[in-house]
Amino acid sequence: MVVLIGRIYDETPPGASRVLVDRLWPRGVRKEGAPWDVWLKEAAPSQGLRNWYHANPEEQVEFRRRYLEELEGTAARAALAELRRLGQERPVALLTATRDLTHCQVPVLREVLEREAVD
């Protein structure tokens, strides 16, 4: 399974399934013609975890731990299953509106998908 990460404003490789994995709809983006194929907000951190991490950006390790715990929930597991299904057909590009791709949920989500693909 090939998992790419990027921002919604960047170009993605042709042929990849483009999946928005943010909880909130990006500001200023119209639903018609949105630059992604699927929106899986259930794969994103909860509102509570987002707010906590925003207030504690230095707590990246704790954020990762809490997010991995959330990904064990029913809705998140269904979203992961959908991402795995999409990844069987072609590469998956996990997209976010976040400016900092290093300090957000996307690298953690990619890690989970890649780890499960190896297992």
N, C-alpha and C. Protein backbone atom coordinates (compact mmCIF):
# COMPACT_ATOMS: atom_id res chain seq x y z
N MET A 1 0.85 -1.18 0.00
CA MET A 1 0.00 0.00 0.00
C MET A 1 0.89 1.24 0.00
N VAL A 2 0.66 2.10 -0.97
CA VAL A 2 1.43 3.34 -1.07
C VAL A 2 0.60 4.46 -0.45
N VAL A 3 1.15 5.10 0.59
CA VAL A 3 0.45 6.17 1.30
C VAL A 3 1.27 7.45 1.19
N LEU A 4 0.69 8.46 0.57
CA LEU A 4 1.32 9.76 0.41
C LEU A 4 0.65 10.74 1.36
N ILE A 5 1.35 11.79 1.71
CA ILE A 5 0.73 12.84 2.52
C ILE A 5 0.94 14.18 1.84
N GLY A 6 0.01 15.08 2.07
CA GLY A 6 0.13 16.40 1.47
C GLY A 6 -0.94 17.35 1.97
N ARG A 7 -0.83 18.56 1.50
CA ARG A 7 -1.82 19.58 1.83
C ARG A 7 -2.84 19.64 0.70
N ILE A 8 -4.04 20.06 1.04
CA ILE A 8 -5.10 20.12 0.03
C ILE A 8 -4.77 21.11 -1.08
N TYR A 9 -3.88 22.03 -0.82
CA TYR A 9 -3.54 23.08 -1.78
C TYR A 9 -2.43 22.64 -2.73
N ASP A 10 -1.79 21.50 -2.44
CA ASP A 10 -0.70 20.99 -3.27
C ASP A 10 -1.24 20.02 -4.32
N GLU A 11 -0.50 19.85 -5.37
CA GLU A 11 -0.88 18.86 -6.38
C GLU A 11 -0.54 17.47 -5.85
N THR A 12 -1.38 16.51 -6.19
CA THR A 12 -1.11 15.13 -5.83
C THR A 12 -0.79 14.36 -7.11
N PRO A 13 -0.03 13.28 -6.97
CA PRO A 13 0.30 12.51 -8.17
C PRO A 13 -0.96 12.01 -8.87
N PRO A 14 -0.96 12.02 -10.18
CA PRO A 14 -2.13 11.52 -10.91
C PRO A 14 -2.34 10.05 -10.59
N GLY A 15 -3.60 9.68 -10.49
CA GLY A 15 -3.94 8.29 -10.23
C GLY A 15 -4.09 7.94 -8.76
N ALA A 16 -3.71 8.83 -7.86
CA ALA A 16 -3.85 8.56 -6.42
C ALA A 16 -5.27 8.90 -5.97
N SER A 17 -5.77 8.12 -5.01
CA SER A 17 -7.04 8.47 -4.36
C SER A 17 -6.74 9.59 -3.38
N ARG A 18 -7.37 10.73 -3.56
CA ARG A 18 -7.13 11.90 -2.71
C ARG A 18 -8.18 11.91 -1.61
N VAL A 19 -7.73 11.82 -0.35
CA VAL A 19 -8.64 11.69 0.78
C VAL A 19 -8.36 12.79 1.80
N LEU A 20 -9.37 13.62 2.06
CA LEU A 20 -9.27 14.64 3.10
C LEU A 20 -9.46 13.96 4.44
N VAL A 21 -8.51 14.11 5.35
CA VAL A 21 -8.58 13.46 6.67
C VAL A 21 -8.58 14.50 7.79
N ASP A 22 -9.26 15.61 7.57
CA ASP A 22 -9.46 16.64 8.59
C ASP A 22 -10.87 16.52 9.15
N ARG A 23 -11.05 16.89 10.40
CA ARG A 23 -12.36 16.84 11.04
C ARG A 23 -13.27 17.94 10.50
N LEU A 24 -12.66 19.11 10.22
CA LEU A 24 -13.45 20.27 9.76
C LEU A 24 -13.24 20.49 8.27
N TRP A 25 -14.30 20.96 7.62
CA TRP A 25 -14.20 21.32 6.21
C TRP A 25 -13.28 22.53 6.10
N PRO A 26 -12.31 22.51 5.19
CA PRO A 26 -11.37 23.62 5.06
C PRO A 26 -12.07 24.93 4.67
N ARG A 27 -11.68 25.96 5.31
CA ARG A 27 -12.23 27.29 5.05
C ARG A 27 -11.92 27.73 3.64
N GLY A 28 -12.91 28.27 2.97
CA GLY A 28 -12.71 28.84 1.64
C GLY A 28 -12.74 27.83 0.50
N VAL A 29 -13.04 26.57 0.80
CA VAL A 29 -13.07 25.55 -0.25
C VAL A 29 -14.52 25.18 -0.53
N ARG A 30 -14.90 25.26 -1.78
CA ARG A 30 -16.27 24.90 -2.16
C ARG A 30 -16.40 23.39 -2.29
N LYS A 31 -17.54 22.87 -1.93
CA LYS A 31 -17.76 21.43 -2.03
C LYS A 31 -17.76 20.98 -3.49
N GLU A 32 -18.30 21.82 -4.36
CA GLU A 32 -18.25 21.50 -5.78
C GLU A 32 -16.82 21.73 -6.26
N GLY A 33 -16.23 20.72 -6.82
CA GLY A 33 -14.88 20.86 -7.35
C GLY A 33 -13.79 20.79 -6.30
N ALA A 34 -14.09 20.26 -5.11
CA ALA A 34 -13.08 20.14 -4.06
C ALA A 34 -11.91 19.28 -4.58
N PRO A 35 -10.68 19.61 -4.16
CA PRO A 35 -9.52 18.89 -4.71
C PRO A 35 -9.24 17.53 -4.06
N TRP A 36 -10.26 16.80 -3.70
CA TRP A 36 -10.11 15.45 -3.17
C TRP A 36 -11.32 14.62 -3.57
N ASP A 37 -11.16 13.32 -3.47
CA ASP A 37 -12.20 12.40 -3.91
C ASP A 37 -13.13 12.00 -2.77
N VAL A 38 -12.57 11.87 -1.57
CA VAL A 38 -13.31 11.36 -0.41
C VAL A 38 -12.95 12.21 0.80
N TRP A 39 -13.93 12.44 1.67
CA TRP A 39 -13.70 13.12 2.95
C TRP A 39 -13.99 12.11 4.05
N LEU A 40 -12.95 11.71 4.78
CA LEU A 40 -13.10 10.76 5.89
C LEU A 40 -12.78 11.47 7.20
N LYS A 41 -13.71 12.29 7.65
CA LYS A 41 -13.47 13.03 8.89
C LYS A 41 -13.37 12.11 10.10
N GLU A 42 -13.91 10.89 9.98
CA GLU A 42 -13.85 9.93 11.08
C GLU A 42 -12.42 9.46 11.33
N ALA A 43 -11.52 9.65 10.36
CA ALA A 43 -10.12 9.28 10.52
C ALA A 43 -9.31 10.38 11.21
N ALA A 44 -9.92 11.53 11.42
CA ALA A 44 -9.24 12.67 12.03
C ALA A 44 -9.38 12.62 13.55
N PRO A 45 -8.49 13.32 14.26
CA PRO A 45 -8.62 13.39 15.72
C PRO A 45 -9.94 14.06 16.11
N SER A 46 -10.45 13.70 17.27
CA SER A 46 -11.68 14.29 17.78
C SER A 46 -11.48 15.79 18.02
N GLN A 47 -12.59 16.49 18.14
CA GLN A 47 -12.53 17.93 18.43
C GLN A 47 -11.78 18.18 19.74
N GLY A 48 -12.05 17.36 20.74
CA GLY A 48 -11.37 17.52 22.03
C GLY A 48 -9.87 17.35 21.92
N LEU A 49 -9.43 16.34 21.18
CA LEU A 49 -7.99 16.11 21.01
C LEU A 49 -7.37 17.21 20.17
N ARG A 50 -8.06 17.67 19.15
CA ARG A 50 -7.56 18.79 18.34
C ARG A 50 -7.34 20.02 19.20
N ASN A 51 -8.34 20.35 20.03
CA ASN A 51 -8.23 21.52 20.89
C ASN A 51 -7.08 21.37 21.89
N TRP A 52 -6.95 20.18 22.47
CA TRP A 52 -5.87 19.93 23.43
C TRP A 52 -4.52 20.11 22.76
N TYR A 53 -4.33 19.54 21.57
CA TYR A 53 -3.05 19.63 20.88
C TYR A 53 -2.74 21.06 20.45
N HIS A 54 -3.77 21.79 20.06
CA HIS A 54 -3.57 23.20 19.69
C HIS A 54 -3.03 23.99 20.89
N ALA A 55 -3.51 23.67 22.09
CA ALA A 55 -3.06 24.36 23.30
C ALA A 55 -1.72 23.82 23.81
N ASN A 56 -1.34 22.61 23.35
CA ASN A 56 -0.11 21.97 23.84
C ASN A 56 0.72 21.43 22.67
N PRO A 57 1.14 22.28 21.75
CA PRO A 57 1.82 21.78 20.55
C PRO A 57 3.15 21.08 20.82
N GLU A 58 3.74 21.33 21.98
CA GLU A 58 5.00 20.67 22.32
C GLU A 58 4.79 19.22 22.75
N GLU A 59 3.56 18.81 22.94
CA GLU A 59 3.23 17.47 23.41
C GLU A 59 2.94 16.49 22.26
N GLN A 60 3.83 16.46 21.30
CA GLN A 60 3.62 15.64 20.11
C GLN A 60 3.55 14.15 20.46
N VAL A 61 4.37 13.69 21.37
CA VAL A 61 4.37 12.27 21.74
C VAL A 61 3.05 11.89 22.40
N GLU A 62 2.56 12.74 23.28
CA GLU A 62 1.27 12.46 23.94
C GLU A 62 0.12 12.56 22.94
N PHE A 63 0.20 13.51 22.02
CA PHE A 63 -0.83 13.60 20.98
C PHE A 63 -0.88 12.31 20.18
N ARG A 64 0.27 11.81 19.78
CA ARG A 64 0.34 10.57 19.01
C ARG A 64 -0.31 9.43 19.79
N ARG A 65 0.03 9.30 21.06
CA ARG A 65 -0.53 8.23 21.89
C ARG A 65 -2.06 8.32 21.95
N ARG A 66 -2.56 9.53 22.20
CA ARG A 66 -4.00 9.73 22.31
C ARG A 66 -4.72 9.49 20.97
N TYR A 67 -4.09 9.93 19.89
CA TYR A 67 -4.69 9.74 18.58
C TYR A 67 -4.74 8.26 18.21
N LEU A 68 -3.67 7.53 18.49
CA LEU A 68 -3.68 6.09 18.24
C LEU A 68 -4.79 5.40 19.03
N GLU A 69 -5.02 5.88 20.23
CA GLU A 69 -6.11 5.34 21.05
C GLU A 69 -7.46 5.62 20.39
N GLU A 70 -7.65 6.83 19.88
CA GLU A 70 -8.89 7.18 19.20
C GLU A 70 -9.11 6.34 17.94
N LEU A 71 -8.03 5.99 17.28
CA LEU A 71 -8.16 5.21 16.05
C LEU A 71 -8.66 3.78 16.31
N GLU A 72 -8.76 3.40 17.55
CA GLU A 72 -9.31 2.10 17.91
C GLU A 72 -10.83 2.13 17.99
N GLY A 73 -11.43 3.31 17.94
CA GLY A 73 -12.89 3.45 18.01
C GLY A 73 -13.57 2.92 16.76
N THR A 74 -14.85 2.67 16.87
CA THR A 74 -15.63 2.07 15.80
C THR A 74 -15.62 2.90 14.52
N ALA A 75 -15.92 4.19 14.63
CA ALA A 75 -15.98 5.05 13.43
C ALA A 75 -14.61 5.18 12.79
N ALA A 76 -13.58 5.32 13.61
CA ALA A 76 -12.22 5.45 13.07
C ALA A 76 -11.79 4.15 12.39
N ARG A 77 -12.15 3.02 12.96
CA ARG A 77 -11.78 1.73 12.36
C ARG A 77 -12.47 1.56 11.00
N ALA A 78 -13.70 2.03 10.89
CA ALA A 78 -14.40 1.97 9.60
C ALA A 78 -13.70 2.87 8.58
N ALA A 79 -13.25 4.04 9.01
CA ALA A 79 -12.53 4.95 8.11
C ALA A 79 -11.20 4.32 7.68
N LEU A 80 -10.50 3.66 8.61
CA LEU A 80 -9.25 2.98 8.27
C LEU A 80 -9.50 1.86 7.27
N ALA A 81 -10.60 1.14 7.46
CA ALA A 81 -10.95 0.07 6.52
C ALA A 81 -11.19 0.65 5.12
N GLU A 82 -11.85 1.80 5.05
CA GLU A 82 -12.09 2.44 3.76
C GLU A 82 -10.76 2.88 3.13
N LEU A 83 -9.85 3.42 3.94
CA LEU A 83 -8.54 3.80 3.41
C LEU A 83 -7.77 2.58 2.90
N ARG A 84 -7.84 1.48 3.63
CA ARG A 84 -7.19 0.25 3.17
C ARG A 84 -7.80 -0.24 1.85
N ARG A 85 -9.12 -0.15 1.75
CA ARG A 85 -9.80 -0.56 0.52
C ARG A 85 -9.33 0.30 -0.65
N LEU A 86 -9.30 1.61 -0.44
CA LEU A 86 -8.84 2.52 -1.49
C LEU A 86 -7.39 2.22 -1.87
N GLY A 87 -6.57 1.89 -0.87
CA GLY A 87 -5.16 1.61 -1.09
C GLY A 87 -4.90 0.33 -1.85
N GLN A 88 -5.87 -0.55 -1.92
CA GLN A 88 -5.71 -1.78 -2.70
C GLN A 88 -5.81 -1.48 -4.19
N GLU A 89 -6.54 -0.42 -4.52
CA GLU A 89 -6.77 -0.08 -5.92
C GLU A 89 -5.66 0.79 -6.51
N ARG A 90 -5.15 1.72 -5.71
CA ARG A 90 -4.14 2.67 -6.19
C ARG A 90 -3.54 3.40 -4.99
N PRO A 91 -2.50 4.21 -5.19
CA PRO A 91 -1.92 4.95 -4.06
C PRO A 91 -2.98 5.85 -3.40
N VAL A 92 -2.81 6.08 -2.11
CA VAL A 92 -3.72 6.94 -1.35
C VAL A 92 -2.94 8.17 -0.90
N ALA A 93 -3.49 9.35 -1.17
CA ALA A 93 -2.91 10.61 -0.72
C ALA A 93 -3.77 11.14 0.44
N LEU A 94 -3.20 11.13 1.64
CA LEU A 94 -3.89 11.68 2.82
C LEU A 94 -3.67 13.18 2.81
N LEU A 95 -4.77 13.94 2.73
CA LEU A 95 -4.68 15.39 2.60
C LEU A 95 -5.23 16.10 3.82
N THR A 96 -4.62 17.23 4.12
CA THR A 96 -5.03 18.07 5.23
C THR A 96 -4.86 19.53 4.84
N ALA A 97 -5.58 20.40 5.52
CA ALA A 97 -5.41 21.84 5.31
C ALA A 97 -4.33 22.40 6.24
N THR A 98 -3.86 21.59 7.16
CA THR A 98 -2.85 22.01 8.14
C THR A 98 -1.58 22.46 7.43
N ARG A 99 -0.98 23.52 7.93
CA ARG A 99 0.24 24.05 7.32
C ARG A 99 1.46 23.18 7.62
N ASP A 100 1.53 22.65 8.83
CA ASP A 100 2.70 21.89 9.28
C ASP A 100 2.40 20.39 9.20
N LEU A 101 2.89 19.75 8.15
CA LEU A 101 2.62 18.33 7.95
C LEU A 101 3.38 17.44 8.93
N THR A 102 4.37 17.98 9.59
CA THR A 102 5.13 17.18 10.55
C THR A 102 4.40 17.06 11.88
N HIS A 103 3.70 18.11 12.29
CA HIS A 103 3.06 18.14 13.60
C HIS A 103 1.54 18.11 13.47
N CYS A 104 1.03 17.05 12.87
CA CYS A 104 -0.41 16.87 12.73
C CYS A 104 -0.71 15.37 12.70
N GLN A 105 -1.94 15.02 12.45
CA GLN A 105 -2.35 13.63 12.49
C GLN A 105 -1.91 12.81 11.28
N VAL A 106 -1.62 13.45 10.18
CA VAL A 106 -1.38 12.74 8.92
C VAL A 106 -0.20 11.77 8.98
N PRO A 107 0.97 12.16 9.53
CA PRO A 107 2.06 11.18 9.61
C PRO A 107 1.71 9.97 10.49
N VAL A 108 0.96 10.19 11.54
CA VAL A 108 0.54 9.08 12.41
C VAL A 108 -0.39 8.15 11.65
N LEU A 109 -1.33 8.72 10.93
CA LEU A 109 -2.27 7.93 10.14
C LEU A 109 -1.54 7.12 9.06
N ARG A 110 -0.58 7.75 8.41
CA ARG A 110 0.21 7.03 7.40
C ARG A 110 0.97 5.87 8.04
N GLU A 111 1.55 6.12 9.20
CA GLU A 111 2.28 5.07 9.92
C GLU A 111 1.37 3.88 10.22
N VAL A 112 0.17 4.14 10.69
CA VAL A 112 -0.78 3.07 11.00
C VAL A 112 -1.11 2.26 9.74
N LEU A 113 -1.39 2.93 8.66
CA LEU A 113 -1.76 2.25 7.41
C LEU A 113 -0.58 1.43 6.86
N GLU A 114 0.59 1.99 6.89
CA GLU A 114 1.77 1.28 6.38
C GLU A 114 2.11 0.09 7.27
N ARG A 115 1.99 0.25 8.57
CA ARG A 115 2.27 -0.85 9.50
C ARG A 115 1.29 -1.99 9.28
N GLU A 116 0.01 -1.65 9.12
CA GLU A 116 -1.00 -2.69 8.91
C GLU A 116 -0.80 -3.39 7.57
N ALA A 117 -0.28 -2.68 6.58
CA ALA A 117 -0.07 -3.29 5.27
C ALA A 117 1.06 -4.33 5.33
N VAL A 118 2.01 -4.12 6.24
CA VAL A 118 3.14 -5.04 6.38
C VAL A 118 2.72 -6.27 7.19
N ASP A 119 1.88 -6.07 8.19
CA ASP A 119 1.47 -7.18 9.07
C ASP A 119 0.68 -8.26 8.35
